[in-house]
Structures are given as structure tokens and as C-alpha cells.
ModelCIF file with pLDDT and N, C-alpha, C, O atoms, coordinates in Angstrom:
data_MODEL
#
_entry.id   MODEL 
#
_entity.id                         1 
_entity.type                       polymer 
_entity.pdbx_number_of_molecules   1 
#
_entity_poly.entity_id                      1 
_entity_poly.type                           'polypeptide(L)' 
_entity_poly.nstd_linkage                   no 
_entity_poly.nstd_monomer                   no 
_entity_poly.pdbx_seq_one_letter_code       
;(UNK)(UNK)(UNK)(UNK)(UNK)(UNK)(UNK)(UNK)(UNK)(UNK)(UNK)(UNK)(UNK)(UNK)(UNK)(UNK)
(UNK)(UNK)(UNK)(UNK)(UNK)(UNK)(UNK)(UNK)(UNK)(UNK)(UNK)(UNK)(UNK)(UNK)(UNK)(UNK)
(UNK)(UNK)(UNK)(UNK)(UNK)(UNK)(UNK)(UNK)(UNK)(UNK)(UNK)(UNK)(UNK)
;
_entity_poly.pdbx_seq_one_letter_code_can   XXXXXXXXXXXXXXXXXXXXXXXXXXXXXXXXXXXXXXXXXXXXX 
_entity_poly.pdbx_strand_id                 A 
#
loop_
_entity_poly_seq.entity_id 
_entity_poly_seq.num 
_entity_poly_seq.mon_id 
_entity_poly_seq.hetero 
1 1  UNK n 
1 2  UNK n 
1 3  UNK n 
1 4  UNK n 
1 5  UNK n 
1 6  UNK n 
1 7  UNK n 
1 8  UNK n 
1 9  UNK n 
1 10 UNK n 
1 11 UNK n 
1 12 UNK n 
1 13 UNK n 
1 14 UNK n 
1 15 UNK n 
1 16 UNK n 
1 17 UNK n 
1 18 UNK n 
1 19 UNK n 
1 20 UNK n 
1 21 UNK n 
1 22 UNK n 
1 23 UNK n 
1 24 UNK n 
1 25 UNK n 
1 26 UNK n 
1 27 UNK n 
1 28 UNK n 
1 29 UNK n 
1 30 UNK n 
1 31 UNK n 
1 32 UNK n 
1 33 UNK n 
1 34 UNK n 
1 35 UNK n 
1 36 UNK n 
1 37 UNK n 
1 38 UNK n 
1 39 UNK n 
1 40 UNK n 
1 41 UNK n 
1 42 UNK n 
1 43 UNK n 
1 44 UNK n 
1 45 UNK n 
#
_struct_asym.id          A 
_struct_asym.entity_id   1 
#
loop_
_ma_qa_metric.id 
_ma_qa_metric.mode 
_ma_qa_metric.name 
_ma_qa_metric.software_group_id 
_ma_qa_metric.type 
1 global pLDDT . pLDDT 
2 local  pLDDT . pLDDT 
#
_ma_qa_metric_global.metric_id      1 
_ma_qa_metric_global.metric_value   91.02 
_ma_qa_metric_global.model_id       1 
_ma_qa_metric_global.ordinal_id     1 
#
loop_
_ma_qa_metric_local.label_asym_id 
_ma_qa_metric_local.label_comp_id 
_ma_qa_metric_local.label_seq_id 
_ma_qa_metric_local.metric_id 
_ma_qa_metric_local.metric_value 
_ma_qa_metric_local.model_id 
_ma_qa_metric_local.ordinal_id 
A UNK 1  2 97.00 1 1  
A UNK 2  2 97.00 1 2  
A UNK 3  2 96.00 1 3  
A UNK 4  2 97.00 1 4  
A UNK 5  2 97.00 1 5  
A UNK 6  2 97.00 1 6  
A UNK 7  2 97.00 1 7  
A UNK 8  2 97.00 1 8  
A UNK 9  2 96.00 1 9  
A UNK 10 2 96.00 1 10 
A UNK 11 2 97.00 1 11 
A UNK 12 2 96.00 1 12 
A UNK 13 2 96.00 1 13 
A UNK 14 2 97.00 1 14 
A UNK 15 2 97.00 1 15 
A UNK 16 2 97.00 1 16 
A UNK 17 2 96.00 1 17 
A UNK 18 2 95.00 1 18 
A UNK 19 2 92.00 1 19 
A UNK 20 2 92.00 1 20 
A UNK 21 2 92.00 1 21 
A UNK 22 2 92.00 1 22 
A UNK 23 2 92.00 1 23 
A UNK 24 2 94.00 1 24 
A UNK 25 2 96.00 1 25 
A UNK 26 2 97.00 1 26 
A UNK 27 2 97.00 1 27 
A UNK 28 2 97.00 1 28 
A UNK 29 2 97.00 1 29 
A UNK 30 2 96.00 1 30 
A UNK 31 2 95.00 1 31 
A UNK 32 2 94.00 1 32 
A UNK 33 2 92.00 1 33 
A UNK 34 2 92.00 1 34 
A UNK 35 2 93.00 1 35 
A UNK 36 2 88.00 1 36 
A UNK 37 2 87.00 1 37 
A UNK 38 2 85.00 1 38 
A UNK 39 2 82.00 1 39 
A UNK 40 2 80.00 1 40 
A UNK 41 2 70.00 1 41 
A UNK 42 2 69.00 1 42 
A UNK 43 2 67.00 1 43 
A UNK 44 2 66.00 1 44 
A UNK 45 2 64.00 1 45 
#
loop_
_atom_site.group_PDB 
_atom_site.id 
_atom_site.type_symbol 
_atom_site.label_atom_id 
_atom_site.label_alt_id 
_atom_site.label_comp_id 
_atom_site.label_asym_id 
_atom_site.label_entity_id 
_atom_site.label_seq_id 
_atom_site.pdbx_PDB_ins_code 
_atom_site.Cartn_x 
_atom_site.Cartn_y 
_atom_site.Cartn_z 
_atom_site.occupancy 
_atom_site.B_iso_or_equiv 
_atom_site.pdbx_formal_charge 
_atom_site.auth_seq_id 
_atom_site.auth_comp_id 
_atom_site.auth_asym_id 
_atom_site.auth_atom_id 
_atom_site.pdbx_PDB_model_num 
ATOM 1   N N  . UNK A 1 1  ? 18.563 -11.547 9.439  1.00 97.00 ? 1  UNK A N  1 
ATOM 2   C CA . UNK A 1 1  ? 19.675 -11.795 9.280  1.00 97.00 ? 1  UNK A CA 1 
ATOM 3   C C  . UNK A 1 1  ? 20.628 -11.663 8.180  1.00 97.00 ? 1  UNK A C  1 
ATOM 4   O O  . UNK A 1 1  ? 21.761 -11.183 8.224  1.00 97.00 ? 1  UNK A O  1 
ATOM 5   N N  . UNK A 1 2  ? 19.878 -12.257 6.996  1.00 97.00 ? 2  UNK A N  1 
ATOM 6   C CA . UNK A 1 2  ? 20.498 -12.276 5.808  1.00 97.00 ? 2  UNK A CA 1 
ATOM 7   C C  . UNK A 1 2  ? 20.664 -10.727 5.152  1.00 97.00 ? 2  UNK A C  1 
ATOM 8   O O  . UNK A 1 2  ? 21.557 -10.498 4.336  1.00 97.00 ? 2  UNK A O  1 
ATOM 9   N N  . UNK A 1 3  ? 19.890 -9.881  5.510  1.00 96.00 ? 3  UNK A N  1 
ATOM 10  C CA . UNK A 1 3  ? 20.098 -8.408  4.872  1.00 96.00 ? 3  UNK A CA 1 
ATOM 11  C C  . UNK A 1 3  ? 20.957 -7.774  5.936  1.00 96.00 ? 3  UNK A C  1 
ATOM 12  O O  . UNK A 1 3  ? 21.138 -6.575  5.723  1.00 96.00 ? 3  UNK A O  1 
ATOM 13  N N  . UNK A 1 4  ? 21.607 -8.298  7.153  1.00 97.00 ? 4  UNK A N  1 
ATOM 14  C CA . UNK A 1 4  ? 22.526 -7.541  7.720  1.00 97.00 ? 4  UNK A CA 1 
ATOM 15  C C  . UNK A 1 4  ? 23.614 -8.373  7.226  1.00 97.00 ? 4  UNK A C  1 
ATOM 16  O O  . UNK A 1 4  ? 24.679 -7.757  7.176  1.00 97.00 ? 4  UNK A O  1 
ATOM 17  N N  . UNK A 1 5  ? 23.675 -9.667  6.821  1.00 97.00 ? 5  UNK A N  1 
ATOM 18  C CA . UNK A 1 5  ? 24.898 -10.358 6.337  1.00 97.00 ? 5  UNK A CA 1 
ATOM 19  C C  . UNK A 1 5  ? 25.427 -9.615  5.089  1.00 97.00 ? 5  UNK A C  1 
ATOM 20  O O  . UNK A 1 5  ? 26.609 -9.300  4.949  1.00 97.00 ? 5  UNK A O  1 
ATOM 21  N N  . UNK A 1 6  ? 24.487 -9.373  4.230  1.00 97.00 ? 6  UNK A N  1 
ATOM 22  C CA . UNK A 1 6  ? 24.727 -8.857  2.772  1.00 97.00 ? 6  UNK A CA 1 
ATOM 23  C C  . UNK A 1 6  ? 25.382 -7.555  2.870  1.00 97.00 ? 6  UNK A C  1 
ATOM 24  O O  . UNK A 1 6  ? 25.997 -7.026  1.944  1.00 97.00 ? 6  UNK A O  1 
ATOM 25  N N  . UNK A 1 7  ? 25.174 -6.928  4.369  1.00 97.00 ? 7  UNK A N  1 
ATOM 26  C CA . UNK A 1 7  ? 25.857 -5.561  4.372  1.00 97.00 ? 7  UNK A CA 1 
ATOM 27  C C  . UNK A 1 7  ? 27.470 -5.466  4.512  1.00 97.00 ? 7  UNK A C  1 
ATOM 28  O O  . UNK A 1 7  ? 28.155 -4.444  4.520  1.00 97.00 ? 7  UNK A O  1 
ATOM 29  N N  . UNK A 1 8  ? 27.873 -6.776  4.616  1.00 97.00 ? 8  UNK A N  1 
ATOM 30  C CA . UNK A 1 8  ? 29.228 -6.803  4.704  1.00 97.00 ? 8  UNK A CA 1 
ATOM 31  C C  . UNK A 1 8  ? 29.956 -6.953  3.538  1.00 97.00 ? 8  UNK A C  1 
ATOM 32  O O  . UNK A 1 8  ? 29.550 -7.685  2.635  1.00 97.00 ? 8  UNK A O  1 
ATOM 33  N N  . UNK A 1 9  ? 31.173 -6.225  3.453  1.00 96.00 ? 9  UNK A N  1 
ATOM 34  C CA . UNK A 1 9  ? 31.710 -6.189  2.127  1.00 96.00 ? 9  UNK A CA 1 
ATOM 35  C C  . UNK A 1 9  ? 32.379 -7.688  1.738  1.00 96.00 ? 9  UNK A C  1 
ATOM 36  O O  . UNK A 1 9  ? 33.012 -7.827  0.692  1.00 96.00 ? 9  UNK A O  1 
ATOM 37  N N  . UNK A 1 10 ? 32.197 -8.670  2.581  1.00 96.00 ? 10 UNK A N  1 
ATOM 38  C CA . UNK A 1 10 ? 32.658 -10.016 1.921  1.00 96.00 ? 10 UNK A CA 1 
ATOM 39  C C  . UNK A 1 10 ? 31.446 -10.732 1.614  1.00 96.00 ? 10 UNK A C  1 
ATOM 40  O O  . UNK A 1 10 ? 31.828 -11.687 0.939  1.00 96.00 ? 10 UNK A O  1 
ATOM 41  N N  . UNK A 1 11 ? 30.143 -10.798 1.744  1.00 97.00 ? 11 UNK A N  1 
ATOM 42  C CA . UNK A 1 11 ? 29.121 -11.233 1.117  1.00 97.00 ? 11 UNK A CA 1 
ATOM 43  C C  . UNK A 1 11 ? 28.297 -10.598 0.355  1.00 97.00 ? 11 UNK A C  1 
ATOM 44  O O  . UNK A 1 11 ? 27.867 -9.470  0.596  1.00 97.00 ? 11 UNK A O  1 
ATOM 45  N N  . UNK A 1 12 ? 27.951 -11.443 -0.852 1.00 96.00 ? 12 UNK A N  1 
ATOM 46  C CA . UNK A 1 12 ? 27.138 -10.921 -2.125 1.00 96.00 ? 12 UNK A CA 1 
ATOM 47  C C  . UNK A 1 12 ? 25.320 -11.263 -1.605 1.00 96.00 ? 12 UNK A C  1 
ATOM 48  O O  . UNK A 1 12 ? 24.420 -10.457 -1.372 1.00 96.00 ? 12 UNK A O  1 
ATOM 49  N N  . UNK A 1 13 ? 25.320 -12.520 -1.574 1.00 96.00 ? 13 UNK A N  1 
ATOM 50  C CA . UNK A 1 13 ? 24.051 -12.896 -1.076 1.00 96.00 ? 13 UNK A CA 1 
ATOM 51  C C  . UNK A 1 13 ? 24.339 -14.192 -0.038 1.00 96.00 ? 13 UNK A C  1 
ATOM 52  O O  . UNK A 1 13 ? 25.225 -15.047 -0.052 1.00 96.00 ? 13 UNK A O  1 
ATOM 53  N N  . UNK A 1 14 ? 23.215 -13.967 0.858  1.00 97.00 ? 14 UNK A N  1 
ATOM 54  C CA . UNK A 1 14 ? 23.227 -15.017 2.179  1.00 97.00 ? 14 UNK A CA 1 
ATOM 55  C C  . UNK A 1 14 ? 21.902 -15.488 2.170  1.00 97.00 ? 14 UNK A C  1 
ATOM 56  O O  . UNK A 1 14 ? 20.951 -14.746 1.927  1.00 97.00 ? 14 UNK A O  1 
ATOM 57  N N  . UNK A 1 15 ? 21.768 -16.979 2.486  1.00 97.00 ? 15 UNK A N  1 
ATOM 58  C CA . UNK A 1 15 ? 20.614 -17.594 2.625  1.00 97.00 ? 15 UNK A CA 1 
ATOM 59  C C  . UNK A 1 15 ? 20.810 -18.362 3.891  1.00 97.00 ? 15 UNK A C  1 
ATOM 60  O O  . UNK A 1 15 ? 21.677 -19.226 4.027  1.00 97.00 ? 15 UNK A O  1 
ATOM 61  N N  . UNK A 1 16 ? 19.677 -17.879 5.110  1.00 97.00 ? 16 UNK A N  1 
ATOM 62  C CA . UNK A 1 16 ? 20.137 -18.517 6.171  1.00 97.00 ? 16 UNK A CA 1 
ATOM 63  C C  . UNK A 1 16 ? 18.900 -19.286 6.736  1.00 97.00 ? 16 UNK A C  1 
ATOM 64  O O  . UNK A 1 16 ? 17.764 -18.912 6.447  1.00 97.00 ? 16 UNK A O  1 
ATOM 65  N N  . UNK A 1 17 ? 19.171 -20.567 7.697  1.00 96.00 ? 17 UNK A N  1 
ATOM 66  C CA . UNK A 1 17 ? 18.203 -21.549 7.960  1.00 96.00 ? 17 UNK A CA 1 
ATOM 67  C C  . UNK A 1 17 ? 18.877 -21.916 9.342  1.00 96.00 ? 17 UNK A C  1 
ATOM 68  O O  . UNK A 1 17 ? 19.966 -21.511 9.748  1.00 96.00 ? 17 UNK A O  1 
ATOM 69  N N  . UNK A 1 18 ? 18.047 -22.720 9.940  1.00 95.00 ? 18 UNK A N  1 
ATOM 70  C CA . UNK A 1 18 ? 18.097 -23.260 11.126 1.00 95.00 ? 18 UNK A CA 1 
ATOM 71  C C  . UNK A 1 18 ? 17.068 -24.084 11.727 1.00 95.00 ? 18 UNK A C  1 
ATOM 72  O O  . UNK A 1 18 ? 15.965 -24.187 11.190 1.00 95.00 ? 18 UNK A O  1 
ATOM 73  N N  . UNK A 1 19 ? 17.382 -24.721 12.889 1.00 92.00 ? 19 UNK A N  1 
ATOM 74  C CA . UNK A 1 19 ? 16.193 -25.939 13.299 1.00 92.00 ? 19 UNK A CA 1 
ATOM 75  C C  . UNK A 1 19 ? 16.026 -25.463 14.662 1.00 92.00 ? 19 UNK A C  1 
ATOM 76  O O  . UNK A 1 19 ? 16.667 -24.583 15.237 1.00 92.00 ? 19 UNK A O  1 
ATOM 77  N N  . UNK A 1 20 ? 14.931 -26.278 15.151 1.00 92.00 ? 20 UNK A N  1 
ATOM 78  C CA . UNK A 1 20 ? 14.776 -26.226 16.594 1.00 92.00 ? 20 UNK A CA 1 
ATOM 79  C C  . UNK A 1 20 ? 15.506 -27.223 17.645 1.00 92.00 ? 20 UNK A C  1 
ATOM 80  O O  . UNK A 1 20 ? 15.360 -27.306 18.865 1.00 92.00 ? 20 UNK A O  1 
ATOM 81  N N  . UNK A 1 21 ? 16.158 -27.793 16.955 1.00 92.00 ? 21 UNK A N  1 
ATOM 82  C CA . UNK A 1 21 ? 17.376 -28.564 18.013 1.00 92.00 ? 21 UNK A CA 1 
ATOM 83  C C  . UNK A 1 21 ? 18.651 -28.324 17.768 1.00 92.00 ? 21 UNK A C  1 
ATOM 84  O O  . UNK A 1 21 ? 19.485 -29.225 17.857 1.00 92.00 ? 21 UNK A O  1 
ATOM 85  N N  . UNK A 1 22 ? 19.014 -26.906 17.381 1.00 92.00 ? 22 UNK A N  1 
ATOM 86  C CA . UNK A 1 22 ? 20.377 -26.252 17.473 1.00 92.00 ? 22 UNK A CA 1 
ATOM 87  C C  . UNK A 1 22 ? 20.213 -25.017 17.744 1.00 92.00 ? 22 UNK A C  1 
ATOM 88  O O  . UNK A 1 22 ? 19.242 -24.413 17.287 1.00 92.00 ? 22 UNK A O  1 
ATOM 89  N N  . UNK A 1 23 ? 21.169 -24.387 18.571 1.00 92.00 ? 23 UNK A N  1 
ATOM 90  C CA . UNK A 1 23 ? 21.353 -23.176 19.018 1.00 92.00 ? 23 UNK A CA 1 
ATOM 91  C C  . UNK A 1 23 ? 21.656 -22.098 18.092 1.00 92.00 ? 23 UNK A C  1 
ATOM 92  O O  . UNK A 1 23 ? 21.098 -21.010 18.237 1.00 92.00 ? 23 UNK A O  1 
ATOM 93  N N  . UNK A 1 24 ? 22.394 -22.274 17.262 1.00 94.00 ? 24 UNK A N  1 
ATOM 94  C CA . UNK A 1 24 ? 22.841 -21.397 16.131 1.00 94.00 ? 24 UNK A CA 1 
ATOM 95  C C  . UNK A 1 24 ? 22.033 -21.709 14.754 1.00 94.00 ? 24 UNK A C  1 
ATOM 96  O O  . UNK A 1 24 ? 21.458 -22.759 14.468 1.00 94.00 ? 24 UNK A O  1 
ATOM 97  N N  . UNK A 1 25 ? 22.134 -20.587 14.019 1.00 96.00 ? 25 UNK A N  1 
ATOM 98  C CA . UNK A 1 25 ? 21.845 -20.766 12.460 1.00 96.00 ? 25 UNK A CA 1 
ATOM 99  C C  . UNK A 1 25 ? 23.071 -21.071 11.748 1.00 96.00 ? 25 UNK A C  1 
ATOM 100 O O  . UNK A 1 25 ? 24.215 -20.814 12.123 1.00 96.00 ? 25 UNK A O  1 
ATOM 101 N N  . UNK A 1 26 ? 22.639 -21.755 10.477 1.00 97.00 ? 26 UNK A N  1 
ATOM 102 C CA . UNK A 1 26 ? 23.864 -22.006 9.386  1.00 97.00 ? 26 UNK A CA 1 
ATOM 103 C C  . UNK A 1 26 ? 23.405 -21.002 8.392  1.00 97.00 ? 26 UNK A C  1 
ATOM 104 O O  . UNK A 1 26 ? 22.406 -20.293 8.515  1.00 97.00 ? 26 UNK A O  1 
ATOM 105 N N  . UNK A 1 27 ? 24.472 -21.018 7.110  1.00 97.00 ? 27 UNK A N  1 
ATOM 106 C CA . UNK A 1 27 ? 24.133 -20.045 5.833  1.00 97.00 ? 27 UNK A CA 1 
ATOM 107 C C  . UNK A 1 27 ? 24.700 -20.481 4.837  1.00 97.00 ? 27 UNK A C  1 
ATOM 108 O O  . UNK A 1 27 ? 25.747 -21.124 4.913  1.00 97.00 ? 27 UNK A O  1 
ATOM 109 N N  . UNK A 1 28 ? 24.120 -20.212 3.768  1.00 97.00 ? 28 UNK A N  1 
ATOM 110 C CA . UNK A 1 28 ? 24.785 -20.807 2.296  1.00 97.00 ? 28 UNK A CA 1 
ATOM 111 C C  . UNK A 1 28 ? 25.049 -19.242 1.878  1.00 97.00 ? 28 UNK A C  1 
ATOM 112 O O  . UNK A 1 28 ? 24.195 -18.363 1.771  1.00 97.00 ? 28 UNK A O  1 
ATOM 113 N N  . UNK A 1 29 ? 26.590 -19.123 1.652  1.00 97.00 ? 29 UNK A N  1 
ATOM 114 C CA . UNK A 1 29 ? 27.041 -17.515 1.355  1.00 97.00 ? 29 UNK A CA 1 
ATOM 115 C C  . UNK A 1 29 ? 27.522 -17.752 0.028  1.00 97.00 ? 29 UNK A C  1 
ATOM 116 O O  . UNK A 1 29 ? 28.167 -18.747 -0.304 1.00 97.00 ? 29 UNK A O  1 
ATOM 117 N N  . UNK A 1 30 ? 27.132 -16.649 -0.844 1.00 96.00 ? 30 UNK A N  1 
ATOM 118 C CA . UNK A 1 30 ? 27.860 -16.306 -1.955 1.00 96.00 ? 30 UNK A CA 1 
ATOM 119 C C  . UNK A 1 30 ? 29.063 -15.366 -1.807 1.00 96.00 ? 30 UNK A C  1 
ATOM 120 O O  . UNK A 1 30 ? 28.737 -14.186 -1.683 1.00 96.00 ? 30 UNK A O  1 
ATOM 121 N N  . UNK A 1 31 ? 29.962 -15.540 -1.796 1.00 95.00 ? 31 UNK A N  1 
ATOM 122 C CA . UNK A 1 31 ? 31.343 -14.524 -1.396 1.00 95.00 ? 31 UNK A CA 1 
ATOM 123 C C  . UNK A 1 31 ? 31.307 -13.425 -2.284 1.00 95.00 ? 31 UNK A C  1 
ATOM 124 O O  . UNK A 1 31 ? 30.875 -13.625 -3.420 1.00 95.00 ? 31 UNK A O  1 
ATOM 125 N N  . UNK A 1 32 ? 31.740 -12.147 -1.912 1.00 94.00 ? 32 UNK A N  1 
ATOM 126 C CA . UNK A 1 32 ? 31.759 -11.089 -2.697 1.00 94.00 ? 32 UNK A CA 1 
ATOM 127 C C  . UNK A 1 32 ? 32.953 -11.178 -3.592 1.00 94.00 ? 32 UNK A C  1 
ATOM 128 O O  . UNK A 1 32 ? 33.763 -12.093 -3.445 1.00 94.00 ? 32 UNK A O  1 
ATOM 129 N N  . UNK A 1 33 ? 33.090 -10.302 -4.475 1.00 92.00 ? 33 UNK A N  1 
ATOM 130 C CA . UNK A 1 33 ? 34.586 -10.312 -5.239 1.00 92.00 ? 33 UNK A CA 1 
ATOM 131 C C  . UNK A 1 33 ? 35.781 -9.737  -4.294 1.00 92.00 ? 33 UNK A C  1 
ATOM 132 O O  . UNK A 1 33 ? 36.983 -9.757  -4.556 1.00 92.00 ? 33 UNK A O  1 
ATOM 133 N N  . UNK A 1 34 ? 35.359 -9.390  -3.514 1.00 92.00 ? 34 UNK A N  1 
ATOM 134 C CA . UNK A 1 34 ? 36.562 -8.634  -2.412 1.00 92.00 ? 34 UNK A CA 1 
ATOM 135 C C  . UNK A 1 34 ? 36.888 -9.764  -1.707 1.00 92.00 ? 34 UNK A C  1 
ATOM 136 O O  . UNK A 1 34 ? 38.084 -10.006 -1.547 1.00 92.00 ? 34 UNK A O  1 
ATOM 137 N N  . UNK A 1 35 ? 35.997 -10.563 -1.217 1.00 93.00 ? 35 UNK A N  1 
ATOM 138 C CA . UNK A 1 35 ? 36.752 -11.769 -0.513 1.00 93.00 ? 35 UNK A CA 1 
ATOM 139 C C  . UNK A 1 35 ? 37.149 -12.922 -1.352 1.00 93.00 ? 35 UNK A C  1 
ATOM 140 O O  . UNK A 1 35 ? 37.776 -13.831 -0.807 1.00 93.00 ? 35 UNK A O  1 
ATOM 141 N N  . UNK A 1 36 ? 36.853 -12.999 -2.649 1.00 88.00 ? 36 UNK A N  1 
ATOM 142 C CA . UNK A 1 36 ? 37.454 -13.975 -3.778 1.00 88.00 ? 36 UNK A CA 1 
ATOM 143 C C  . UNK A 1 36 ? 38.701 -13.187 -3.684 1.00 88.00 ? 36 UNK A C  1 
ATOM 144 O O  . UNK A 1 36 ? 39.558 -13.892 -3.150 1.00 88.00 ? 36 UNK A O  1 
ATOM 145 N N  . UNK A 1 37 ? 39.167 -11.986 -3.991 1.00 87.00 ? 37 UNK A N  1 
ATOM 146 C CA . UNK A 1 37 ? 40.341 -11.298 -4.015 1.00 87.00 ? 37 UNK A CA 1 
ATOM 147 C C  . UNK A 1 37 ? 41.304 -11.358 -2.872 1.00 87.00 ? 37 UNK A C  1 
ATOM 148 O O  . UNK A 1 37 ? 42.520 -11.224 -3.003 1.00 87.00 ? 37 UNK A O  1 
ATOM 149 N N  . UNK A 1 38 ? 40.705 -11.562 -1.783 1.00 85.00 ? 38 UNK A N  1 
ATOM 150 C CA . UNK A 1 38 ? 41.558 -11.606 -0.549 1.00 85.00 ? 38 UNK A CA 1 
ATOM 151 C C  . UNK A 1 38 ? 41.877 -13.174 -0.593 1.00 85.00 ? 38 UNK A C  1 
ATOM 152 O O  . UNK A 1 38 ? 42.854 -13.722 -0.081 1.00 85.00 ? 38 UNK A O  1 
ATOM 153 N N  . UNK A 1 39 ? 41.312 -13.504 -0.988 1.00 82.00 ? 39 UNK A N  1 
ATOM 154 C CA . UNK A 1 39 ? 41.583 -15.453 -0.562 1.00 82.00 ? 39 UNK A CA 1 
ATOM 155 C C  . UNK A 1 39 ? 42.470 -15.967 -1.904 1.00 82.00 ? 39 UNK A C  1 
ATOM 156 O O  . UNK A 1 39 ? 42.945 -17.101 -1.844 1.00 82.00 ? 39 UNK A O  1 
ATOM 157 N N  . UNK A 1 40 ? 42.711 -15.116 -3.167 1.00 80.00 ? 40 UNK A N  1 
ATOM 158 C CA . UNK A 1 40 ? 43.203 -15.648 -4.197 1.00 80.00 ? 40 UNK A CA 1 
ATOM 159 C C  . UNK A 1 40 ? 44.329 -15.993 -3.851 1.00 80.00 ? 40 UNK A C  1 
ATOM 160 O O  . UNK A 1 40 ? 44.688 -17.153 -4.054 1.00 80.00 ? 40 UNK A O  1 
ATOM 161 N N  . UNK A 1 41 ? 45.156 -15.083 -3.249 1.00 70.00 ? 41 UNK A N  1 
ATOM 162 C CA . UNK A 1 41 ? 46.819 -15.505 -3.076 1.00 70.00 ? 41 UNK A CA 1 
ATOM 163 C C  . UNK A 1 41 ? 46.961 -16.567 -2.111 1.00 70.00 ? 41 UNK A C  1 
ATOM 164 O O  . UNK A 1 41 ? 47.824 -17.433 -2.254 1.00 70.00 ? 41 UNK A O  1 
ATOM 165 N N  . UNK A 1 42 ? 46.151 -16.548 -1.120 1.00 69.00 ? 42 UNK A N  1 
ATOM 166 C CA . UNK A 1 42 ? 46.038 -17.695 0.064  1.00 69.00 ? 42 UNK A CA 1 
ATOM 167 C C  . UNK A 1 42 ? 45.870 -19.201 -0.722 1.00 69.00 ? 42 UNK A C  1 
ATOM 168 O O  . UNK A 1 42 ? 46.640 -20.142 -0.529 1.00 69.00 ? 42 UNK A O  1 
ATOM 169 N N  . UNK A 1 43 ? 44.734 -19.229 -1.621 1.00 67.00 ? 43 UNK A N  1 
ATOM 170 C CA . UNK A 1 43 ? 44.469 -20.397 -2.086 1.00 67.00 ? 43 UNK A CA 1 
ATOM 171 C C  . UNK A 1 43 ? 45.681 -20.780 -3.197 1.00 67.00 ? 43 UNK A C  1 
ATOM 172 O O  . UNK A 1 43 ? 45.615 -21.942 -3.598 1.00 67.00 ? 43 UNK A O  1 
ATOM 173 N N  . UNK A 1 44 ? 46.431 -20.223 -3.575 1.00 66.00 ? 44 UNK A N  1 
ATOM 174 C CA . UNK A 1 44 ? 47.337 -20.538 -4.827 1.00 66.00 ? 44 UNK A CA 1 
ATOM 175 C C  . UNK A 1 44 ? 48.587 -20.690 -3.624 1.00 66.00 ? 44 UNK A C  1 
ATOM 176 O O  . UNK A 1 44 ? 49.387 -21.591 -3.873 1.00 66.00 ? 44 UNK A O  1 
ATOM 177 N N  . UNK A 1 45 ? 48.784 -20.072 -2.619 1.00 64.00 ? 45 UNK A N  1 
ATOM 178 C CA . UNK A 1 45 ? 49.942 -20.533 -1.914 1.00 64.00 ? 45 UNK A CA 1 
ATOM 179 C C  . UNK A 1 45 ? 49.619 -22.148 -1.315 1.00 64.00 ? 45 UNK A C  1 
ATOM 180 O O  . UNK A 1 45 ? 50.478 -22.751 -0.672 1.00 64.00 ? 45 UNK A O  1 
#
């Protein structure tokens, strides 16, 4: 899953984890420069 997520233009690195008591995984994501550029204007607003 990490390898697939890291193919996204929005993700530089991903760390995926989960538990047997949940039905979905969670992730720690290092956003890509493209994502940060996308959000720069929005965060300023």
C-alpha cells in the first residue's frame, strides 16, 4: 500500500499501519512539494 501511495503526486513517503479491531488502515504521510504548493494559498487564506 505504501508503494502505491508513493506513486501519487501528492505523497513523498508513506507509513501504513492498522489493527485487527479496525476495518481500515491509517497512515503517516510526508506530503510532496506539489501538495504543499497546492495548499500554500489555501492555508494563507
